[in-house]
């Protein structure tokens, strides 16, 4: 099902928009619109640039709003070659250059546009190692201004769908849910709680969140407590779990009475590793000594691609 079948391409653009919105991004304008070409008129023979979708969010580490160009590709895996990826990257860089001075874009947003996301979905089969090998051969041509292009294939997209699905389940039984952006002293930023994830966080191994939930108290009523939730995309091992626990300590997150760590692993395959980790952690009490804090291990929803996919995300429009 190559992308020249318009139904497939347009459908994946809608899917990409749905994913971005569920990550908390704000869409600016509609999907599939054109902008004026200013810098490549001769090369493009007067043709405008096509924009699949355009978003905006606040970036705590840049301390300001950012515009994000999202390009969506839905192709057969055999056609996702180095040559085609290079073409897509050039399309993106050329488009971003013209977006800087486009009246159409300026009417939608005044945020700087320095980041783009290529969401590349293989719709028939997928090999992560082969995709990475093809991507590694792609060089970025000279650009008129600095920009970052993030590339996501099935592996990253399914990981984000896993996160969205798990977060939606958590939200269904809590009072509030906020992603945590820890302060970074070298950048001079403050700790921020937000409803969205930035591109940088999406490609991170660890994502932190604060959840407020109601719990029964001793008097028969309910108390609202804050708990730390950590989504971990690093394969579980003794070393990775110890590193994560040390990271929690270094970020001063031990004051939460409860910490839930969600692993991107199958429970059966890592049960012996997590059991040993929890046993060692329980021997090192932290928090209030009268009521020590608790760390629990849970598991993210995992989707494996074509057979097991998130119905409300990848197939959100299908009957």
Protein backbone atom coordinates (compact mmCIF):
# COMPACT_ATOMS: atom_id res chain seq x y z
CA UNK A 1 0.00 0.00 0.00
CA UNK A 2 2.35 2.81 -1.20
CA UNK A 3 1.66 6.39 -0.26
CA UNK A 4 0.52 7.33 -3.76
CA UNK A 5 -2.77 5.80 -2.69
CA UNK A 6 -4.16 9.03 -1.24
CA UNK A 7 -6.48 7.31 1.20
CA UNK A 8 -3.56 5.66 3.00
CA UNK A 9 -1.47 8.84 3.16
CA UNK A 10 -4.33 11.03 4.34
CA UNK A 11 -5.40 8.45 6.89
CA UNK A 12 -1.90 8.29 8.41
CA UNK A 13 -1.78 12.10 8.58
CA UNK A 14 -4.97 11.98 10.65
CA UNK A 15 -3.46 9.25 12.82
CA UNK A 16 -0.32 11.33 13.36
CA UNK A 17 -2.42 14.33 14.34
CA UNK A 18 -4.40 12.19 16.80
CA UNK A 19 -1.18 10.95 18.43
CA UNK A 20 0.29 14.46 18.70
CA UNK A 21 -2.92 15.82 20.24
CA UNK A 22 -2.98 13.02 22.81
CA UNK A 23 0.59 13.96 23.71
CA UNK A 24 -0.76 17.40 24.56
CA UNK A 25 0.30 19.35 21.47
CA UNK A 26 -1.91 22.13 20.10
CA UNK A 27 -2.62 21.95 16.39
CA UNK A 28 -2.40 25.24 14.53
CA UNK A 29 -4.51 25.38 11.40
CA UNK A 30 -5.87 22.36 9.57
CA UNK A 31 -4.10 19.30 8.21
CA UNK A 32 -2.73 19.18 4.67
CA UNK A 33 -2.37 22.85 3.76
CA UNK A 34 0.07 24.73 1.54
CA UNK A 35 2.44 27.58 2.33
CA UNK A 36 4.23 30.00 0.05
CA UNK A 37 7.64 29.01 -1.32
CA UNK A 38 10.10 31.88 -0.93
CA UNK A 39 13.58 30.36 -1.08
CA UNK A 40 13.20 27.58 -3.67
CA UNK A 41 10.98 29.06 -6.37
CA UNK A 42 13.20 28.10 -9.29
CA UNK A 43 13.82 24.56 -8.03
CA UNK A 44 10.14 23.99 -7.24
CA UNK A 45 8.91 25.80 -10.37
CA UNK A 46 6.60 27.98 -8.36
CA UNK A 47 4.95 25.12 -6.48
CA UNK A 48 4.04 25.76 -2.81
CA UNK A 49 5.24 23.62 0.10
CA UNK A 50 2.78 21.12 1.51
CA UNK A 51 2.38 20.99 5.30
CA UNK A 52 0.93 17.77 6.69
CA UNK A 53 0.33 19.30 10.12
CA UNK A 54 1.69 22.06 12.32
CA UNK A 55 1.69 22.20 16.13
CA UNK A 56 2.75 24.41 18.98
CA UNK A 57 3.69 23.75 22.62
CA UNK A 58 5.58 25.40 25.46
CA UNK A 59 9.12 24.09 25.89
CA UNK A 60 10.22 24.44 29.53
CA UNK A 61 13.89 24.10 28.63
CA UNK A 62 13.76 26.72 25.87
CA UNK A 63 11.47 28.71 28.17
CA UNK A 64 9.08 29.65 25.38
CA UNK A 65 6.62 28.38 22.82
CA UNK A 66 7.89 26.28 19.92
CA UNK A 67 6.34 25.56 16.53
CA UNK A 68 6.62 21.94 15.32
CA UNK A 69 6.28 20.78 11.72
CA UNK A 70 5.04 17.18 11.49
CA UNK A 71 5.52 15.24 8.26
CA UNK A 72 3.64 11.92 8.00
CA UNK A 73 4.70 9.04 5.75
CA UNK A 74 2.90 5.70 5.40
CA UNK A 75 4.77 3.37 3.03
CA UNK A 76 5.58 -0.26 2.44
CA UNK A 77 8.71 -1.11 4.36
CA UNK A 78 10.72 -2.08 1.26
CA UNK A 79 10.22 1.46 -0.06
CA UNK A 80 11.47 3.19 3.10
CA UNK A 81 14.97 3.43 1.70
CA UNK A 82 17.88 5.76 2.35
CA UNK A 83 17.10 7.51 -0.93
CA UNK A 84 13.48 8.19 0.01
CA UNK A 85 14.36 9.25 3.55
CA UNK A 86 16.83 11.77 2.09
CA UNK A 87 14.06 13.15 -0.13
CA UNK A 88 11.74 13.48 2.87
CA UNK A 89 14.41 15.22 4.95
CA UNK A 90 15.05 17.69 2.13
CA UNK A 91 11.32 18.35 1.80
CA UNK A 92 11.21 19.10 5.51
CA UNK A 93 14.27 21.37 5.58
CA UNK A 94 13.11 23.30 2.53
CA UNK A 95 9.63 23.69 3.99
CA UNK A 96 10.98 24.85 7.37
CA UNK A 97 13.13 27.48 5.65
CA UNK A 98 10.09 28.96 3.96
CA UNK A 99 7.93 28.65 7.07
CA UNK A 100 10.12 31.29 8.71
CA UNK A 101 8.77 33.99 6.40
CA UNK A 102 5.41 32.50 5.42
CA UNK A 103 2.41 34.84 5.98
CA UNK A 104 0.22 31.74 6.26
CA UNK A 105 2.30 30.40 9.16
CA UNK A 106 2.69 33.79 10.81
CA UNK A 107 -1.09 34.10 10.89
CA UNK A 108 -1.25 30.81 12.81
CA UNK A 109 1.65 31.23 15.25
CA UNK A 110 4.44 33.60 16.21
CA UNK A 111 6.47 30.82 17.88
CA UNK A 112 9.92 30.06 16.47
CA UNK A 113 10.00 26.96 14.25
CA UNK A 114 13.23 25.08 14.86
CA UNK A 115 12.01 21.48 15.18
CA UNK A 116 10.33 19.01 12.87
CA UNK A 117 9.12 15.44 13.32
CA UNK A 118 9.07 12.86 10.54
CA UNK A 119 6.58 10.14 11.50
CA UNK A 120 7.34 7.21 9.20
CA UNK A 121 4.95 4.24 9.49
CA UNK A 122 5.68 0.97 7.66
CA UNK A 123 2.24 -0.44 6.96
CA UNK A 124 3.05 -4.01 5.97
CA UNK A 125 6.15 -5.21 7.85
CA UNK A 126 8.92 -3.62 9.89
CA UNK A 127 12.51 -4.29 10.94
CA UNK A 128 13.89 -1.80 13.44
CA UNK A 129 17.56 -2.63 12.84
CA UNK A 130 17.15 -2.32 9.08
CA UNK A 131 15.38 1.03 9.44
CA UNK A 132 18.15 2.38 11.68
CA UNK A 133 20.73 1.19 9.13
CA UNK A 134 18.94 3.06 6.33
CA UNK A 135 18.55 6.17 8.48
CA UNK A 136 22.24 6.14 9.49
CA UNK A 137 23.21 6.70 5.85
CA UNK A 138 21.22 9.92 5.63
CA UNK A 139 23.18 13.14 5.81
CA UNK A 140 21.63 16.52 6.50
CA UNK A 141 22.32 19.09 3.80
CA UNK A 142 23.40 22.65 4.55
CA UNK A 143 20.54 24.70 5.94
CA UNK A 144 19.90 28.42 5.96
CA UNK A 145 19.23 28.36 9.70
CA UNK A 146 19.64 25.85 12.60
CA UNK A 147 16.88 23.26 12.89
CA UNK A 148 16.42 19.82 14.42
CA UNK A 149 14.70 16.97 12.61
CA UNK A 150 13.45 14.09 14.75
CA UNK A 151 12.64 10.81 12.99
CA UNK A 152 10.16 8.28 14.39
CA UNK A 153 9.43 4.89 12.85
CA UNK A 154 7.12 2.09 14.03
CA UNK A 155 9.28 1.42 17.10
CA UNK A 156 9.01 4.96 18.47
CA UNK A 157 5.40 5.43 17.37
CA UNK A 158 4.24 2.25 19.10
CA UNK A 159 6.20 3.28 22.20
CA UNK A 160 4.33 6.60 22.28
CA UNK A 161 1.03 4.80 21.76
CA UNK A 162 1.96 2.58 24.71
CA UNK A 163 2.59 5.67 26.81
CA UNK A 164 -0.67 7.32 25.71
CA UNK A 165 -2.69 4.18 26.46
CA UNK A 166 -1.14 3.76 29.92
CA UNK A 167 -1.51 7.44 30.78
CA UNK A 168 -5.17 7.39 29.74
CA UNK A 169 -5.73 4.46 32.09
CA UNK A 170 -4.04 6.32 34.95
CA UNK A 171 -6.05 9.48 34.24
CA UNK A 172 -9.33 7.54 34.42
CA UNK A 173 -8.89 7.01 38.17
CA UNK A 174 -6.98 10.05 39.41
CA UNK A 175 -7.70 13.70 40.23
CA UNK A 176 -4.88 15.16 38.14
CA UNK A 177 -1.97 14.10 35.97
CA UNK A 178 1.01 16.29 35.05
CA UNK A 179 4.31 15.56 33.34
CA UNK A 180 7.35 16.75 35.29
CA UNK A 181 10.17 18.74 33.73
CA UNK A 182 12.91 18.71 36.38
CA UNK A 183 14.94 21.88 36.81
CA UNK A 184 18.25 21.92 34.96
CA UNK A 185 20.74 24.16 36.83
CA UNK A 186 23.03 24.51 33.80
CA UNK A 187 20.11 25.92 31.78
CA UNK A 188 18.77 28.02 34.63
CA UNK A 189 15.29 26.48 34.28
CA UNK A 190 12.68 25.87 36.96
CA UNK A 191 10.82 22.67 37.73
CA UNK A 192 7.69 22.68 35.54
CA UNK A 193 4.50 20.59 35.62
CA UNK A 194 2.70 20.39 32.28
CA UNK A 195 -0.02 18.54 30.38
CA UNK A 196 2.17 17.82 27.37
CA UNK A 197 5.44 16.17 26.35
CA UNK A 198 8.04 17.89 24.19
CA UNK A 199 9.93 16.18 21.40
CA UNK A 200 13.03 15.90 23.56
CA UNK A 201 11.07 14.11 26.28
CA UNK A 202 9.44 11.79 23.75
CA UNK A 203 12.84 10.47 22.79
CA UNK A 204 14.02 10.18 26.40
CA UNK A 205 14.48 6.92 28.28
CA UNK A 206 12.74 8.27 31.39
CA UNK A 207 9.56 10.35 31.65
CA UNK A 208 8.39 11.63 35.03
CA UNK A 209 4.87 12.59 36.06
CA UNK A 210 3.03 13.69 39.19
CA UNK A 211 -0.35 12.14 39.89
CA UNK A 212 -2.84 13.23 42.52
CA UNK A 213 -5.23 10.55 43.66
CA UNK A 214 -7.73 9.90 46.41
CA UNK A 215 -6.87 7.22 49.00
CA UNK A 216 -8.84 6.01 52.05
CA UNK A 217 -7.68 7.32 55.44
CA UNK A 218 -7.98 5.88 58.94
CA UNK A 219 -11.09 7.88 59.78
CA UNK A 220 -13.16 6.42 56.97
CA UNK A 221 -12.71 9.38 54.66
CA UNK A 222 -10.33 10.05 51.82
CA UNK A 223 -7.10 11.97 51.45
CA UNK A 224 -5.59 13.36 48.27
CA UNK A 225 -1.97 12.30 47.89
CA UNK A 226 0.65 13.07 45.28
CA UNK A 227 2.62 10.19 43.83
CA UNK A 228 5.55 10.03 41.45
CA UNK A 229 5.10 8.04 38.24
CA UNK A 230 8.13 7.12 36.14
CA UNK A 231 7.82 5.70 32.63
CA UNK A 232 11.01 3.79 31.89
CA UNK A 233 11.90 2.85 28.30
CA UNK A 234 15.30 1.42 29.15
CA UNK A 235 15.30 -2.42 29.11
CA UNK A 236 15.11 -3.68 32.68
CA UNK A 237 18.38 -4.86 34.17
CA UNK A 238 20.11 -4.63 37.53
CA UNK A 239 22.19 -1.72 36.24
CA UNK A 240 19.31 0.19 34.62
CA UNK A 241 17.04 -0.07 37.67
CA UNK A 242 19.84 1.01 39.99
CA UNK A 243 20.56 3.96 37.70
CA UNK A 244 16.88 4.94 37.70
CA UNK A 245 16.70 4.78 41.49
CA UNK A 246 19.82 6.93 41.74
CA UNK A 247 18.26 9.39 39.29
CA UNK A 248 15.14 9.64 41.46
CA UNK A 249 17.36 10.47 44.43
CA UNK A 250 19.42 13.04 42.52
CA UNK A 251 16.26 14.79 41.32
CA UNK A 252 15.00 15.01 44.94
CA UNK A 253 11.87 12.98 44.13
CA UNK A 254 12.04 10.81 47.26
CA UNK A 255 9.59 13.02 49.13
CA UNK A 256 6.64 11.37 47.35
CA UNK A 257 4.96 8.76 49.58
CA UNK A 258 4.49 6.48 46.58
CA UNK A 259 6.53 5.97 43.43
CA UNK A 260 5.24 3.82 40.57
CA UNK A 261 7.78 2.78 37.94
CA UNK A 262 6.26 1.59 34.65
CA UNK A 263 8.60 -0.61 32.64
CA UNK A 264 8.44 -1.12 28.88
CA UNK A 265 8.95 -4.88 29.31
CA UNK A 266 6.89 -8.02 29.66
CA UNK A 267 6.44 -8.85 33.34
CA UNK A 268 7.27 -12.54 32.97
CA UNK A 269 10.63 -11.91 31.31
CA UNK A 270 11.96 -9.50 33.97
CA UNK A 271 10.18 -10.69 37.10
CA UNK A 272 13.35 -12.04 38.76
CA UNK A 273 15.20 -8.76 38.12
CA UNK A 274 12.44 -6.55 39.52
CA UNK A 275 11.91 -8.79 42.54
CA UNK A 276 15.56 -8.50 43.52
CA UNK A 277 15.50 -4.72 42.93
CA UNK A 278 12.41 -4.22 45.14
CA UNK A 279 13.90 -6.40 47.85
CA UNK A 280 17.03 -4.24 47.98
CA UNK A 281 15.05 -0.98 47.89
CA UNK A 282 12.76 -2.08 50.74
CA UNK A 283 15.85 -2.52 52.94
CA UNK A 284 16.68 1.18 52.43
CA UNK A 285 13.69 3.10 53.85
CA UNK A 286 13.21 6.69 52.73
CA UNK A 287 10.67 9.46 53.29
CA UNK A 288 8.74 9.68 56.56
CA UNK A 289 10.13 7.04 58.96
CA UNK A 290 6.70 6.74 60.59
CA UNK A 291 5.24 5.84 57.21
CA UNK A 292 8.07 5.04 54.77
CA UNK A 293 7.64 5.77 51.09
CA UNK A 294 6.85 2.87 48.77
CA UNK A 295 8.21 2.06 45.33
CA UNK A 296 6.16 -0.22 43.07
CA UNK A 297 6.90 -1.77 39.68
CA UNK A 298 4.19 -1.77 37.02
CA UNK A 299 4.17 -2.30 33.27
CA UNK A 300 3.30 -0.17 30.27
CA UNK A 301 0.82 -1.44 27.71
CA UNK A 302 2.85 -2.96 24.89
CA UNK A 303 1.76 -3.05 21.24
CA UNK A 304 3.74 -5.20 18.84
CA UNK A 305 2.84 -3.64 15.50
CA UNK A 306 0.50 -4.98 12.88
CA UNK A 307 -1.39 -7.64 14.87
CA UNK A 308 -1.51 -6.01 18.30
CA UNK A 309 -2.01 -2.27 17.94
CA UNK A 310 -3.73 0.42 20.06
CA UNK A 311 -7.30 0.58 18.76
CA UNK A 312 -7.97 4.14 19.92
CA UNK A 313 -4.82 5.57 18.37
CA UNK A 314 -3.46 3.85 15.27
CA UNK A 315 -6.95 2.77 14.20
CA UNK A 316 -8.84 5.65 15.72
CA UNK A 317 -10.96 6.26 12.61
CA UNK A 318 -11.58 2.69 11.51
CA UNK A 319 -14.82 0.85 12.17
